[in-house]
Amino acid sequence: MAETGATLQTTNNELVRCIEELREKREEANRQILKEEEEKARIVSEIQILTDRLAKLDDGLSKKYAAKSEYDKAIAETEHAFSKIAESSRTLLHVLKRESTSLKKKGAGE
């Protein structure tokens, strides 16, 4: 009977030790969970900050692309108008030279 009592005591001690080990492992798992939850919260916060910055950058870029497009349009229209003016100036110069030559011939013929 004493042997059964000793075996029971040994088994009881081993069960208590196993339960303590499980509790320690649970506490370690809980510490890791808390640490990772904190890291997760920090990362989520950083993602939100970066998402907001990205949205602002996208908005700014969109406005700048629109302004650039307007500049491109104004430049193209101005260059086109300038080429028309240059063409008209060449035509006017050609007519003026022709008339000048004609007048010189008439003046020399008198």
Protein backbone atom coordinates (compact mmCIF):
# COMPACT_ATOMS: atom_id res chain seq x y z
CA MET A 1 0.00 0.00 0.00
CA ALA A 2 2.88 2.29 0.78
CA GLU A 3 4.19 1.55 -2.68
CA THR A 4 0.88 2.59 -4.25
CA GLY A 5 0.91 5.76 -2.18
CA ALA A 6 4.45 6.56 -3.30
CA THR A 7 3.56 5.88 -6.93
CA LEU A 8 0.49 8.04 -6.57
CA GLN A 9 2.59 10.82 -5.00
CA THR A 10 5.14 10.58 -7.82
CA THR A 11 2.40 10.67 -10.42
CA ASN A 12 0.80 13.62 -8.63
CA ASN A 13 4.11 15.49 -8.52
CA GLU A 14 4.68 14.79 -12.21
CA LEU A 15 1.17 16.02 -13.06
CA VAL A 16 1.75 19.24 -11.09
CA ARG A 17 5.11 19.72 -12.89
CA CYS A 18 3.48 19.15 -16.29
CA ILE A 19 0.69 21.60 -15.48
CA GLU A 20 3.29 24.20 -14.43
CA GLU A 21 5.22 23.66 -17.66
CA LEU A 22 2.00 24.11 -19.65
CA ARG A 23 1.22 27.31 -17.74
CA GLU A 24 4.72 28.65 -18.42
CA LYS A 25 4.35 27.83 -22.11
CA ARG A 26 0.94 29.51 -22.11
CA GLU A 27 2.43 32.63 -20.50
CA GLU A 28 5.26 32.67 -23.05
CA ALA A 29 2.72 32.30 -25.86
CA ASN A 30 0.68 35.13 -24.31
CA ARG A 31 3.79 37.39 -24.11
CA GLN A 32 4.54 36.65 -27.77
CA ILE A 33 0.91 37.33 -28.72
CA LEU A 34 0.96 40.70 -26.92
CA LYS A 35 4.28 41.63 -28.51
CA GLU A 36 3.04 40.70 -32.00
CA GLU A 37 -0.29 42.46 -31.45
CA GLU A 38 1.63 45.64 -30.55
CA GLU A 39 3.77 45.27 -33.67
CA LYS A 40 0.65 44.64 -35.75
CA ALA A 41 -1.01 47.80 -34.36
CA ARG A 42 2.14 49.81 -35.14
CA ILE A 43 2.27 48.45 -38.69
CA VAL A 44 -1.45 49.12 -39.24
CA SER A 45 -0.88 52.70 -38.05
CA GLU A 46 2.10 53.10 -40.40
CA ILE A 47 0.06 51.67 -43.27
CA GLN A 48 -2.71 54.20 -42.59
CA ILE A 49 -0.19 57.05 -42.51
CA LEU A 50 1.40 55.83 -45.75
CA THR A 51 -2.02 55.31 -47.35
CA ASP A 52 -2.95 58.90 -46.49
CA ARG A 53 0.36 60.19 -47.87
CA LEU A 54 -0.14 58.13 -51.04
CA ALA A 55 -3.64 59.55 -51.53
CA LYS A 56 -2.31 63.11 -51.12
CA LEU A 57 0.53 62.41 -53.56
CA ASP A 58 -1.90 60.90 -56.08
CA ASP A 59 -4.15 63.94 -55.77
CA GLY A 60 -1.22 66.33 -56.19
CA LEU A 61 0.11 64.37 -59.16
CA SER A 62 -3.30 64.36 -60.77
CA LYS A 63 -3.50 68.15 -60.49
CA LYS A 64 0.04 68.56 -61.79
CA TYR A 65 -0.63 66.27 -64.77
CA ALA A 66 -3.73 68.34 -65.58
CA ALA A 67 -1.71 71.58 -65.36
CA LYS A 68 1.04 70.08 -67.52
CA SER A 69 -1.55 69.07 -70.08
CA GLU A 70 -2.87 72.64 -70.15
CA TYR A 71 0.70 73.94 -70.61
CA ASP A 72 1.23 71.46 -73.45
CA LYS A 73 -1.99 72.61 -75.09
CA ALA A 74 -1.10 76.32 -74.71
CA ILE A 75 2.40 75.72 -76.10
CA ALA A 76 1.04 73.76 -79.08
CA GLU A 77 -1.54 76.45 -79.84
CA THR A 78 1.05 79.22 -79.49
CA GLU A 79 3.56 77.40 -81.71
CA HIS A 80 0.85 76.82 -84.32
CA ALA A 81 -0.20 80.49 -84.22
CA PHE A 82 3.45 81.57 -84.40
CA SER A 83 4.05 79.37 -87.46
CA LYS A 84 0.97 80.94 -89.12
CA ILE A 85 2.30 84.42 -88.29
CA ALA A 86 5.73 83.47 -89.65
CA GLU A 87 4.13 82.08 -92.80
CA SER A 88 2.05 85.25 -93.21
CA SER A 89 5.18 87.36 -92.63
CA ARG A 90 7.05 85.44 -95.36
CA THR A 91 4.10 85.87 -97.70
CA LEU A 92 3.91 89.59 -96.90
CA LEU A 93 7.67 89.98 -97.41
CA HIS A 94 7.44 88.16 -100.76
CA VAL A 95 4.55 90.41 -101.88
CA LEU A 96 6.39 93.50 -100.66
CA LYS A 97 9.57 92.54 -102.54
CA ARG A 98 7.55 91.82 -105.68
CA GLU A 99 5.74 95.15 -105.44
CA SER A 100 8.98 96.94 -104.71
CA THR A 101 10.60 95.37 -107.77
CA SER A 102 7.55 96.25 -109.84
CA LEU A 103 7.63 99.85 -108.63
CA LYS A 104 11.36 100.09 -109.33
CA LYS A 105 10.77 98.85 -112.87
CA LYS A 106 7.98 101.39 -113.34
CA GLY A 107 10.14 104.12 -111.86
CA ALA A 108 13.06 103.21 -114.12
CA GLY A 109 10.77 103.04 -117.12
CA GLU A 110 9.51 106.58 -116.73
